[in-house]
Amino acid sequence: NQMPKVGSVVETKRGKGQVVYNNLLKKLVQVKFTLNEDNF
């Protein structure tokens, strides 16, 4: 309940990105940043 939903867009120090995974034990969030059409 404290974590962002997987697939949602969040704000980070790097900018906006999409949540792809939540590590509930360590309270870590993996965020995907799209670089261009083919890379992230």
PDB file of all heavy atoms in Angstrom:
ATOM      1  N   ASN A   1       0.812  -1.217   0.000  1.00  0.00           N
ATOM      2  CA  ASN A   1       0.000   0.000   0.000  1.00  0.00           C
ATOM      3  C   ASN A   1       0.844   1.265   0.000  1.00  0.00           C
ATOM      4  O   ASN A   1       0.333   2.361  -0.250  1.00  0.00           O
ATOM      5  CB  ASN A   1      -0.933   0.009   1.216  1.00  0.00           C
ATOM      6  CG  ASN A   1      -2.133  -0.898   1.030  1.00  0.00           C
ATOM      7  OD1 ASN A   1      -2.573  -1.129  -0.088  1.00  0.00           O
ATOM      8  ND2 ASN A   1      -2.640  -1.414   2.125  1.00  0.00           N
ATOM      9  N   GLN A   2       2.128   1.132   0.308  1.00  0.00           N
ATOM     10  CA  GLN A   2       3.024   2.289   0.320  1.00  0.00           C
ATOM     11  C   GLN A   2       3.746   2.460  -1.024  1.00  0.00           C
ATOM     12  O   GLN A   2       4.349   3.508  -1.265  1.00  0.00           O
ATOM     13  CB  GLN A   2       4.077   2.121   1.418  1.00  0.00           C
ATOM     14  CG  GLN A   2       3.512   1.988   2.816  1.00  0.00           C
ATOM     15  CD  GLN A   2       4.579   1.628   3.833  1.00  0.00           C
ATOM     16  OE1 GLN A   2       5.771   1.723   3.561  1.00  0.00           O
ATOM     17  NE2 GLN A   2       4.151   1.221   5.012  1.00  0.00           N
ATOM     18  N   MET A   3       3.683   1.426  -1.875  1.00  0.00           N
ATOM     19  CA  MET A   3       4.455   1.426  -3.117  1.00  0.00           C
ATOM     20  C   MET A   3       3.622   1.953  -4.281  1.00  0.00           C
ATOM     21  O   MET A   3       2.391   1.831  -4.288  1.00  0.00           O
ATOM     22  CB  MET A   3       4.938   0.011  -3.437  1.00  0.00           C
ATOM     23  CG  MET A   3       5.675  -0.689  -2.310  1.00  0.00           C
ATOM     24  SD  MET A   3       7.266   0.033  -1.912  1.00  0.00           S
ATOM     25  CE  MET A   3       8.265  -0.577  -3.258  1.00  0.00           C
ATOM     26  N   PRO A   4       4.283   2.515  -5.306  1.00  0.00           N
ATOM     27  CA  PRO A   4       3.549   2.917  -6.520  1.00  0.00           C
ATOM     28  C   PRO A   4       3.103   1.677  -7.291  1.00  0.00           C
ATOM     29  O   PRO A   4       3.719   0.614  -7.183  1.00  0.00           O
ATOM     30  CB  PRO A   4       4.596   3.710  -7.306  1.00  0.00           C
ATOM     31  CG  PRO A   4       5.910   3.172  -6.842  1.00  0.00           C
ATOM     32  CD  PRO A   4       5.725   2.824  -5.400  1.00  0.00           C
ATOM     33  N   LYS A   5       2.062   1.824  -8.048  1.00  0.00           N
ATOM     34  CA  LYS A   5       1.532   0.702  -8.807  1.00  0.00           C
ATOM     35  C   LYS A   5       2.430   0.390  -9.995  1.00  0.00           C
ATOM     36  O   LYS A   5       2.916   1.301 -10.678  1.00  0.00           O
ATOM     37  CB  LYS A   5       0.120   1.043  -9.291  1.00  0.00           C
ATOM     38  CG  LYS A   5      -0.610  -0.112  -9.947  1.00  0.00           C
ATOM     39  CD  LYS A   5      -2.035   0.308 -10.286  1.00  0.00           C
ATOM     40  CE  LYS A   5      -2.796  -0.844 -10.930  1.00  0.00           C
ATOM     41  NZ  LYS A   5      -4.182  -0.438 -11.270  1.00  0.00           N
ATOM     42  N   VAL A   6       2.679  -0.910 -10.223  1.00  0.00           N
ATOM     43  CA  VAL A   6       3.475  -1.316 -11.380  1.00  0.00           C
ATOM     44  C   VAL A   6       2.769  -0.861 -12.661  1.00  0.00           C
ATOM     45  O   VAL A   6       1.569  -1.066 -12.830  1.00  0.00           O
ATOM     46  CB  VAL A   6       3.681  -2.849 -11.405  1.00  0.00           C
ATOM     47  CG1 VAL A   6       4.347  -3.281 -12.706  1.00  0.00           C
ATOM     48  CG2 VAL A   6       4.519  -3.291 -10.209  1.00  0.00           C
ATOM     49  N   GLY A   7       3.509  -0.193 -13.542  1.00  0.00           N
ATOM     50  CA  GLY A   7       2.947   0.333 -14.778  1.00  0.00           C
ATOM     51  C   GLY A   7       2.613   1.812 -14.703  1.00  0.00           C
ATOM     52  O   GLY A   7       2.361   2.449 -15.727  1.00  0.00           O
ATOM     53  N   SER A   8       2.627   2.365 -13.490  1.00  0.00           N
ATOM     54  CA  SER A   8       2.302   3.786 -13.338  1.00  0.00           C
ATOM     55  C   SER A   8       3.531   4.649 -13.586  1.00  0.00           C
ATOM     56  O   SER A   8       4.666   4.186 -13.567  1.00  0.00           O
ATOM     57  CB  SER A   8       1.754   4.043 -11.932  1.00  0.00           C
ATOM     58  OG  SER A   8       2.755   3.780 -10.958  1.00  0.00           O
ATOM     59  N   VAL A   9       3.293   5.922 -13.805  1.00  0.00           N
ATOM     60  CA  VAL A   9       4.377   6.887 -14.045  1.00  0.00           C
ATOM     61  C   VAL A   9       4.688   7.605 -12.740  1.00  0.00           C
ATOM     62  O   VAL A   9       3.782   8.084 -12.050  1.00  0.00           O
ATOM     63  CB  VAL A   9       3.986   7.898 -15.139  1.00  0.00           C
ATOM     64  CG1 VAL A   9       5.070   8.953 -15.311  1.00  0.00           C
ATOM     65  CG2 VAL A   9       3.726   7.166 -16.456  1.00  0.00           C
ATOM     66  N   VAL A  10       5.980   7.672 -12.393  1.00  0.00           N
ATOM     67  CA  VAL A  10       6.401   8.313 -11.147  1.00  0.00           C
ATOM     68  C   VAL A  10       7.463   9.367 -11.449  1.00  0.00           C
ATOM     69  O   VAL A  10       8.078   9.388 -12.519  1.00  0.00           O
ATOM     70  CB  VAL A  10       6.955   7.272 -10.158  1.00  0.00           C
ATOM     71  CG1 VAL A  10       5.874   6.294  -9.726  1.00  0.00           C
ATOM     72  CG2 VAL A  10       8.139   6.522 -10.757  1.00  0.00           C
ATOM     73  N   GLU A  11       7.681  10.232 -10.471  1.00  0.00           N
ATOM     74  CA  GLU A  11       8.684  11.284 -10.588  1.00  0.00           C
ATOM     75  C   GLU A  11       9.903  10.890  -9.760  1.00  0.00           C
ATOM     76  O   GLU A  11       9.785  10.528  -8.595  1.00  0.00           O
ATOM     77  CB  GLU A  11       8.108  12.605 -10.070  1.00  0.00           C
ATOM     78  CG  GLU A  11       9.030  13.796 -10.248  1.00  0.00           C
ATOM     79  CD  GLU A  11       9.096  14.269 -11.698  1.00  0.00           C
ATOM     80  OE1 GLU A  11       8.045  14.288 -12.374  1.00  0.00           O
ATOM     81  OE2 GLU A  11      10.215  14.613 -12.138  1.00  0.00           O
ATOM     82  N   THR A  12      11.094  10.977 -10.380  1.00  0.00           N
ATOM     83  CA  THR A  12      12.343  10.675  -9.684  1.00  0.00           C
ATOM     84  C   THR A  12      13.335  11.821  -9.909  1.00  0.00           C
ATOM     85  O   THR A  12      13.058  12.749 -10.682  1.00  0.00           O
ATOM     86  CB  THR A  12      12.970   9.368 -10.209  1.00  0.00           C
ATOM     87  OG1 THR A  12      13.488   9.594 -11.533  1.00  0.00           O
ATOM     88  CG2 THR A  12      11.943   8.244 -10.251  1.00  0.00           C
ATOM     89  N   LYS A  13      14.501  11.730  -9.266  1.00  0.00           N
ATOM     90  CA  LYS A  13      15.530  12.757  -9.462  1.00  0.00           C
ATOM     91  C   LYS A  13      16.056  12.751 -10.892  1.00  0.00           C
ATOM     92  O   LYS A  13      16.660  13.729 -11.348  1.00  0.00           O
ATOM     93  CB  LYS A  13      16.670  12.553  -8.473  1.00  0.00           C
ATOM     94  CG  LYS A  13      17.346  11.197  -8.572  1.00  0.00           C
ATOM     95  CD  LYS A  13      18.365  11.013  -7.456  1.00  0.00           C
ATOM     96  CE  LYS A  13      19.011   9.629  -7.505  1.00  0.00           C
ATOM     97  NZ  LYS A  13      19.954   9.419  -6.378  1.00  0.00           N
ATOM     98  N   ARG A  14      15.824  11.667 -11.606  1.00  0.00           N
ATOM     99  CA  ARG A  14      16.248  11.587 -13.011  1.00  0.00           C
ATOM    100  C   ARG A  14      15.157  12.073 -13.957  1.00  0.00           C
ATOM    101  O   ARG A  14      15.395  12.292 -15.142  1.00  0.00           O
ATOM    102  CB  ARG A  14      16.633  10.143 -13.325  1.00  0.00           C
ATOM    103  CG  ARG A  14      17.117   9.928 -14.743  1.00  0.00           C
ATOM    104  CD  ARG A  14      17.625   8.539 -14.975  1.00  0.00           C
ATOM    105  NE  ARG A  14      17.885   8.305 -16.381  1.00  0.00           N
ATOM    106  CZ  ARG A  14      18.422   7.197 -16.880  1.00  0.00           C
ATOM    107  NH1 ARG A  14      18.781   6.216 -16.074  1.00  0.00           N
ATOM    108  NH2 ARG A  14      18.612   7.056 -18.175  1.00  0.00           N
ATOM    109  N   GLY A  15      13.966  12.226 -13.452  1.00  0.00           N
ATOM    110  CA  GLY A  15      12.837  12.620 -14.285  1.00  0.00           C
ATOM    111  C   GLY A  15      11.707  11.619 -14.146  1.00  0.00           C
ATOM    112  O   GLY A  15      11.689  10.783 -13.232  1.00  0.00           O
ATOM    113  N   LYS A  16      10.776  11.690 -15.076  1.00  0.00           N
ATOM    114  CA  LYS A  16       9.629  10.786 -15.031  1.00  0.00           C
ATOM    115  C   LYS A  16       9.974   9.443 -15.677  1.00  0.00           C
ATOM    116  O   LYS A  16      10.704   9.385 -16.660  1.00  0.00           O
ATOM    117  CB  LYS A  16       8.427  11.410 -15.739  1.00  0.00           C
ATOM    118  CG  LYS A  16       7.826  12.588 -14.996  1.00  0.00           C
ATOM    119  CD  LYS A  16       6.553  13.070 -15.672  1.00  0.00           C
ATOM    120  CE  LYS A  16       5.913  14.208 -14.863  1.00  0.00           C
ATOM    121  NZ  LYS A  16       4.660  14.676 -15.487  1.00  0.00           N
ATOM    122  N   GLY A  17       9.433   8.380 -15.085  1.00  0.00           N
ATOM    123  CA  GLY A  17       9.635   7.045 -15.616  1.00  0.00           C
ATOM    124  C   GLY A  17       8.485   6.137 -15.224  1.00  0.00           C
ATOM    125  O   GLY A  17       7.606   6.512 -14.441  1.00  0.00           O
ATOM    126  N   GLN A  18       8.513   4.937 -15.773  1.00  0.00           N
ATOM    127  CA  GLN A  18       7.428   3.983 -15.538  1.00  0.00           C
ATOM    128  C   GLN A  18       7.895   2.874 -14.588  1.00  0.00           C
ATOM    129  O   GLN A  18       8.956   2.281 -14.767  1.00  0.00           O
ATOM    130  CB  GLN A  18       6.960   3.365 -16.859  1.00  0.00           C
ATOM    131  CG  GLN A  18       5.749   2.442 -16.719  1.00  0.00           C
ATOM    132  CD  GLN A  18       5.313   1.869 -18.057  1.00  0.00           C
ATOM    133  OE1 GLN A  18       6.150   1.532 -18.886  1.00  0.00           O
ATOM    134  NE2 GLN A  18       4.019   1.764 -18.276  1.00  0.00           N
ATOM    135  N   VAL A  19       7.100   2.589 -13.583  1.00  0.00           N
ATOM    136  CA  VAL A  19       7.425   1.532 -12.605  1.00  0.00           C
ATOM    137  C   VAL A  19       7.302   0.164 -13.263  1.00  0.00           C
ATOM    138  O   VAL A  19       6.268  -0.159 -13.865  1.00  0.00           O
ATOM    139  CB  VAL A  19       6.492   1.607 -11.383  1.00  0.00           C
ATOM    140  CG1 VAL A  19       6.804   0.475 -10.399  1.00  0.00           C
ATOM    141  CG2 VAL A  19       6.609   2.953 -10.699  1.00  0.00           C
ATOM    142  N   VAL A  20       8.366  -0.652 -13.145  1.00  0.00           N
ATOM    143  CA  VAL A  20       8.331  -1.995 -13.731  1.00  0.00           C
ATOM    144  C   VAL A  20       8.386  -3.090 -12.659  1.00  0.00           C
ATOM    145  O   VAL A  20       8.009  -4.237 -12.910  1.00  0.00           O
ATOM    146  CB  VAL A  20       9.482  -2.204 -14.733  1.00  0.00           C
ATOM    147  CG1 VAL A  20       9.299  -1.314 -15.951  1.00  0.00           C
ATOM    148  CG2 VAL A  20      10.836  -1.943 -14.080  1.00  0.00           C
ATOM    149  N   TYR A  21       8.850  -2.739 -11.437  1.00  0.00           N
ATOM    150  CA  TYR A  21       8.939  -3.767 -10.391  1.00  0.00           C
ATOM    151  C   TYR A  21       9.088  -3.104  -9.030  1.00  0.00           C
ATOM    152  O   TYR A  21       9.773  -2.082  -8.892  1.00  0.00           O
ATOM    153  CB  TYR A  21      10.137  -4.684 -10.650  1.00  0.00           C
ATOM    154  CG  TYR A  21      10.344  -5.737  -9.575  1.00  0.00           C
ATOM    155  CD1 TYR A  21       9.504  -6.845  -9.473  1.00  0.00           C
ATOM    156  CD2 TYR A  21      11.379  -5.608  -8.649  1.00  0.00           C
ATOM    157  CE1 TYR A  21       9.687  -7.791  -8.487  1.00  0.00           C
ATOM    158  CE2 TYR A  21      11.574  -6.560  -7.650  1.00  0.00           C
ATOM    159  CZ  TYR A  21      10.726  -7.649  -7.586  1.00  0.00           C
ATOM    160  OH  TYR A  21      10.904  -8.595  -6.604  1.00  0.00           O
ATOM    161  N   ASN A  22       8.445  -3.696  -8.010  1.00  0.00           N
ATOM    162  CA  ASN A  22       8.582  -3.244  -6.635  1.00  0.00           C
ATOM    163  C   ASN A  22       9.222  -4.341  -5.792  1.00  0.00           C
ATOM    164  O   ASN A  22       8.741  -5.480  -5.777  1.00  0.00           O
ATOM    165  CB  ASN A  22       7.214  -2.905  -6.028  1.00  0.00           C
ATOM    166  CG  ASN A  22       6.632  -1.624  -6.589  1.00  0.00           C
ATOM    167  OD1 ASN A  22       7.339  -0.643  -6.773  1.00  0.00           O
ATOM    168  ND2 ASN A  22       5.326  -1.623  -6.854  1.00  0.00           N
ATOM    169  N   ASN A  23      10.298  -4.024  -5.102  1.00  0.00           N
ATOM    170  CA  ASN A  23      10.903  -4.949  -4.144  1.00  0.00           C
ATOM    171  C   ASN A  23      10.314  -4.627  -2.778  1.00  0.00           C
ATOM    172  O   ASN A  23      10.712  -3.672  -2.126  1.00  0.00           O
ATOM    173  CB  ASN A  23      12.432  -4.780  -4.133  1.00  0.00           C
ATOM    174  CG  ASN A  23      13.120  -5.810  -3.256  1.00  0.00           C
ATOM    175  OD1 ASN A  23      12.614  -6.196  -2.204  1.00  0.00           O
ATOM    176  ND2 ASN A  23      14.281  -6.265  -3.694  1.00  0.00           N
ATOM    177  N   LEU A  24       9.338  -5.451  -2.362  1.00  0.00           N
ATOM    178  CA  LEU A  24       8.594  -5.135  -1.148  1.00  0.00           C
ATOM    179  C   LEU A  24       9.417  -5.323   0.118  1.00  0.00           C
ATOM    180  O   LEU A  24       9.168  -4.656   1.127  1.00  0.00           O
ATOM    181  CB  LEU A  24       7.330  -6.006  -1.080  1.00  0.00           C
ATOM    182  CG  LEU A  24       6.332  -5.820  -2.233  1.00  0.00           C
ATOM    183  CD1 LEU A  24       5.113  -6.691  -2.021  1.00  0.00           C
ATOM    184  CD2 LEU A  24       5.923  -4.371  -2.372  1.00  0.00           C
ATOM    185  N   LEU A  25      10.369  -6.231   0.104  1.00  0.00           N
ATOM    186  CA  LEU A  25      11.177  -6.467   1.297  1.00  0.00           C
ATOM    187  C   LEU A  25      12.141  -5.316   1.561  1.00  0.00           C
ATOM    188  O   LEU A  25      12.320  -4.881   2.695  1.00  0.00           O
ATOM    189  CB  LEU A  25      11.950  -7.780   1.161  1.00  0.00           C
ATOM    190  CG  LEU A  25      11.110  -9.055   1.233  1.00  0.00           C
ATOM    191  CD1 LEU A  25      11.989 -10.281   1.027  1.00  0.00           C
ATOM    192  CD2 LEU A  25      10.393  -9.152   2.573  1.00  0.00           C
ATOM    193  N   LYS A  26      12.769  -4.806   0.496  1.00  0.00           N
ATOM    194  CA  LYS A  26      13.753  -3.730   0.654  1.00  0.00           C
ATOM    195  C   LYS A  26      13.167  -2.353   0.374  1.00  0.00           C
ATOM    196  O   LYS A  26      13.861  -1.346   0.506  1.00  0.00           O
ATOM    197  CB  LYS A  26      14.936  -3.985  -0.291  1.00  0.00           C
ATOM    198  CG  LYS A  26      15.708  -5.246   0.031  1.00  0.00           C
ATOM    199  CD  LYS A  26      16.909  -5.413  -0.906  1.00  0.00           C
ATOM    200  CE  LYS A  26      17.711  -6.643  -0.534  1.00  0.00           C
ATOM    201  NZ  LYS A  26      18.896  -6.815  -1.421  1.00  0.00           N
ATOM    202  N   LYS A  27      11.901  -2.314  -0.020  1.00  0.00           N
ATOM    203  CA  LYS A  27      11.222  -1.059  -0.368  1.00  0.00           C
ATOM    204  C   LYS A  27      11.995  -0.297  -1.448  1.00  0.00           C
ATOM    205  O   LYS A  27      12.309   0.884  -1.310  1.00  0.00           O
ATOM    206  CB  LYS A  27      11.010  -0.188   0.875  1.00  0.00           C
ATOM    207  CG  LYS A  27      10.033  -0.788   1.883  1.00  0.00           C
ATOM    208  CD  LYS A  27       9.684   0.176   2.992  1.00  0.00           C
ATOM    209  CE  LYS A  27       8.662  -0.411   3.944  1.00  0.00           C
ATOM    210  NZ  LYS A  27       8.272   0.505   5.026  1.00  0.00           N
ATOM    211  N   LEU A  28      12.280  -1.019  -2.519  1.00  0.00           N
ATOM    212  CA  LEU A  28      12.957  -0.442  -3.674  1.00  0.00           C
ATOM    213  C   LEU A  28      12.027  -0.476  -4.878  1.00  0.00           C
ATOM    214  O   LEU A  28      11.213  -1.391  -5.021  1.00  0.00           O
ATOM    215  CB  LEU A  28      14.239  -1.224  -3.994  1.00  0.00           C
ATOM    216  CG  LEU A  28      15.329  -1.240  -2.903  1.00  0.00           C
ATOM    217  CD1 LEU A  28      16.474  -2.147  -3.321  1.00  0.00           C
ATOM    218  CD2 LEU A  28      15.834   0.168  -2.632  1.00  0.00           C
ATOM    219  N   VAL A  29      12.143   0.539  -5.726  1.00  0.00           N
ATOM    220  CA  VAL A  29      11.290   0.654  -6.917  1.00  0.00           C
ATOM    221  C   VAL A  29      12.166   0.689  -8.164  1.00  0.00           C
ATOM    222  O   VAL A  29      13.099   1.496  -8.246  1.00  0.00           O
ATOM    223  CB  VAL A  29      10.429   1.936  -6.864  1.00  0.00           C
ATOM    224  CG1 VAL A  29       9.496   2.009  -8.076  1.00  0.00           C
ATOM    225  CG2 VAL A  29       9.630   2.000  -5.567  1.00  0.00           C
ATOM    226  N   GLN A  30      11.889  -0.213  -9.110  1.00  0.00           N
ATOM    227  CA  GLN A  30      12.614  -0.195 -10.377  1.00  0.00           C
ATOM    228  C   GLN A  30      11.798   0.604 -11.395  1.00  0.00           C
ATOM    229  O   GLN A  30      10.616   0.322 -11.609  1.00  0.00           O
ATOM    230  CB  GLN A  30      12.840  -1.621 -10.888  1.00  0.00           C
ATOM    231  CG  GLN A  30      13.840  -2.412 -10.049  1.00  0.00           C
ATOM    232  CD  GLN A  30      14.123  -3.778 -10.631  1.00  0.00           C
ATOM    233  OE1 GLN A  30      13.623  -4.136 -11.697  1.00  0.00           O
ATOM    234  NE2 GLN A  30      14.942  -4.554  -9.925  1.00  0.00           N
ATOM    235  N   VAL A  31      12.463   1.607 -11.995  1.00  0.00           N
ATOM    236  CA  VAL A  31      11.785   2.531 -12.904  1.00  0.00           C
ATOM    237  C   VAL A  31      12.451   2.476 -14.281  1.00  0.00           C
ATOM    238  O   VAL A  31      13.684   2.480 -14.391  1.00  0.00           O
ATOM    239  CB  VAL A  31      11.839   3.978 -12.359  1.00  0.00           C
ATOM    240  CG1 VAL A  31      11.105   4.932 -13.307  1.00  0.00           C
ATOM    241  CG2 VAL A  31      11.230   4.044 -10.960  1.00  0.00           C
ATOM    242  N   LYS A  32      11.623   2.395 -15.320  1.00  0.00           N
ATOM    243  CA  LYS A  32      12.118   2.353 -16.695  1.00  0.00           C
ATOM    244  C   LYS A  32      12.077   3.752 -17.310  1.00  0.00           C
ATOM    245  O   LYS A  32      11.060   4.437 -17.251  1.00  0.00           O
ATOM    246  CB  LYS A  32      11.273   1.391 -17.539  1.00  0.00           C
ATOM    247  CG  LYS A  32      11.761   1.270 -18.983  1.00  0.00           C
ATOM    248  CD  LYS A  32      10.962   0.233 -19.755  1.00  0.00           C
ATOM    249  CE  LYS A  32       9.596   0.753 -20.146  1.00  0.00           C
ATOM    250  NZ  LYS A  32       8.879  -0.164 -21.059  1.00  0.00           N
ATOM    251  N   PHE A  33      13.220   4.146 -17.904  1.00  0.00           N
ATOM    252  CA  PHE A  33      13.317   5.425 -18.600  1.00  0.00           C
ATOM    253  C   PHE A  33      13.548   5.156 -20.083  1.00  0.00           C
ATOM    254  O   PHE A  33      14.505   4.457 -20.451  1.00  0.00           O
ATOM    255  CB  PHE A  33      14.483   6.259 -18.041  1.00  0.00           C
ATOM    256  CG  PHE A  33      14.331   6.596 -16.583  1.00  0.00           C
ATOM    257  CD1 PHE A  33      14.928   5.801 -15.611  1.00  0.00           C
ATOM    258  CD2 PHE A  33      13.581   7.692 -16.188  1.00  0.00           C
ATOM    259  CE1 PHE A  33      14.785   6.107 -14.279  1.00  0.00           C
ATOM    260  CE2 PHE A  33      13.435   8.005 -14.846  1.00  0.00           C
ATOM    261  CZ  PHE A  33      14.033   7.209 -13.883  1.00  0.00           C
ATOM    262  N   THR A  34      12.668   5.679 -20.914  1.00  0.00           N
ATOM    263  CA  THR A  34      12.796   5.486 -22.364  1.00  0.00           C
ATOM    264  C   THR A  34      13.781   6.505 -22.935  1.00  0.00           C
ATOM    265  O   THR A  34      13.605   7.726 -22.769  1.00  0.00           O
ATOM    266  CB  THR A  34      11.424   5.643 -23.054  1.00  0.00           C
ATOM    267  OG1 THR A  34      10.515   4.694 -22.488  1.00  0.00           O
ATOM    268  CG2 THR A  34      11.556   5.410 -24.552  1.00  0.00           C
ATOM    269  N   LEU A  35      14.839   5.989 -23.589  1.00  0.00           N
ATOM    270  CA  LEU A  35      15.866   6.856 -24.170  1.00  0.00           C
ATOM    271  C   LEU A  35      15.477   7.290 -25.564  1.00  0.00           C
ATOM    272  O   LEU A  35      15.614   8.451 -25.928  1.00  0.00           O
ATOM    273  CB  LEU A  35      17.210   6.126 -24.186  1.00  0.00           C
ATOM    274  CG  LEU A  35      17.720   5.641 -22.814  1.00  0.00           C
ATOM    275  CD1 LEU A  35      19.046   4.915 -22.974  1.00  0.00           C
ATOM    276  CD2 LEU A  35      17.845   6.798 -21.831  1.00  0.00           C
ATOM    277  N   ASN A  36      15.024   6.345 -26.348  1.00  0.00           N
ATOM    278  CA  ASN A  36      14.520   6.629 -27.700  1.00  0.00           C
ATOM    279  C   ASN A  36      13.566   5.498 -28.077  1.00  0.00           C
ATOM    280  O   ASN A  36      13.184   4.684 -27.221  1.00  0.00           O
ATOM    281  CB  ASN A  36      15.667   6.773 -28.721  1.00  0.00           C
ATOM    282  CG  ASN A  36      16.611   5.576 -28.702  1.00  0.00           C
ATOM    283  OD1 ASN A  36      16.172   4.428 -28.799  1.00  0.00           O
ATOM    284  ND2 ASN A  36      17.917   5.842 -28.566  1.00  0.00           N
ATOM    285  N   GLU A  37      13.228   5.438 -29.336  1.00  0.00           N
ATOM    286  CA  GLU A  37      12.223   4.467 -29.784  1.00  0.00           C
ATOM    287  C   GLU A  37      12.636   3.028 -29.521  1.00  0.00           C
ATOM    288  O   GLU A  37      11.791   2.152 -29.284  1.00  0.00           O
ATOM    289  CB  GLU A  37      11.965   4.679 -31.291  1.00  0.00           C
ATOM    290  CG  GLU A  37      10.706   3.979 -31.782  1.00  0.00           C
ATOM    291  CD  GLU A  37      10.390   4.374 -33.210  1.00  0.00           C
ATOM    292  OE1 GLU A  37      10.248   5.581 -33.465  1.00  0.00           O
ATOM    293  OE2 GLU A  37      10.297   3.462 -34.048  1.00  0.00           O
ATOM    294  N   ASP A  38      13.940   2.738 -29.538  1.00  0.00           N
ATOM    295  CA  ASP A  38      14.408   1.359 -29.419  1.00  0.00           C
ATOM    296  C   ASP A  38      15.169   1.074 -28.126  1.00  0.00           C
ATOM    297  O   ASP A  38      15.540  -0.077 -27.867  1.00  0.00           O
ATOM    298  CB  ASP A  38      15.325   1.009 -30.604  1.00  0.00           C
ATOM    299  CG  ASP A  38      14.612   1.141 -31.943  1.00  0.00           C
ATOM    300  OD1 ASP A  38      13.449   0.691 -32.018  1.00  0.00           O
ATOM    301  OD2 ASP A  38      15.205   1.712 -32.882  1.00  0.00           O
ATOM    302  N   ASN A  39      15.460   2.060 -27.329  1.00  0.00           N
ATOM    303  CA  ASN A  39      16.304   1.850 -26.156  1.00  0.00           C
ATOM    304  C   ASN A  39      15.675   2.410 -24.880  1.00  0.00           C
ATOM    305  O   ASN A  39      14.960   3.423 -24.920  1.00  0.00           O
ATOM    306  CB  ASN A  39      17.675   2.523 -26.358  1.00  0.00           C
ATOM    307  CG  ASN A  39      18.437   1.916 -27.530  1.00  0.00           C
ATOM    308  OD1 ASN A  39      18.857   0.783 -27.481  1.00  0.00           O
ATOM    309  ND2 ASN A  39      18.601   2.714 -28.596  1.00  0.00           N
ATOM    310  N   PHE A  40      15.951   1.733 -23.795  1.00  0.00           N
ATOM    311  CA  PHE A  40      15.494   2.214 -22.489  1.00  0.00           C
ATOM    312  C   PHE A  40      16.478   1.748 -21.419  1.00  0.00           C
ATOM    313  O   PHE A  40      17.297   0.841 -21.634  1.00  0.00           O
ATOM    314  CB  PHE A  40      14.075   1.690 -22.176  1.00  0.00           C
ATOM    315  CG  PHE A  40      13.990   0.196 -22.049  1.00  0.00           C
ATOM    316  CD1 PHE A  40      14.249  -0.446 -20.828  1.00  0.00           C
ATOM    317  CD2 PHE A  40      13.649  -0.592 -23.153  1.00  0.00           C
ATOM    318  CE1 PHE A  40      14.172  -1.817 -20.719  1.00  0.00           C
ATOM    319  CE2 PHE A  40      13.575  -1.968 -23.039  1.00  0.00           C
ATOM    320  CZ  PHE A  40      13.845  -2.582 -21.832  1.00  0.00           C
TER     321      PHE A  40
END
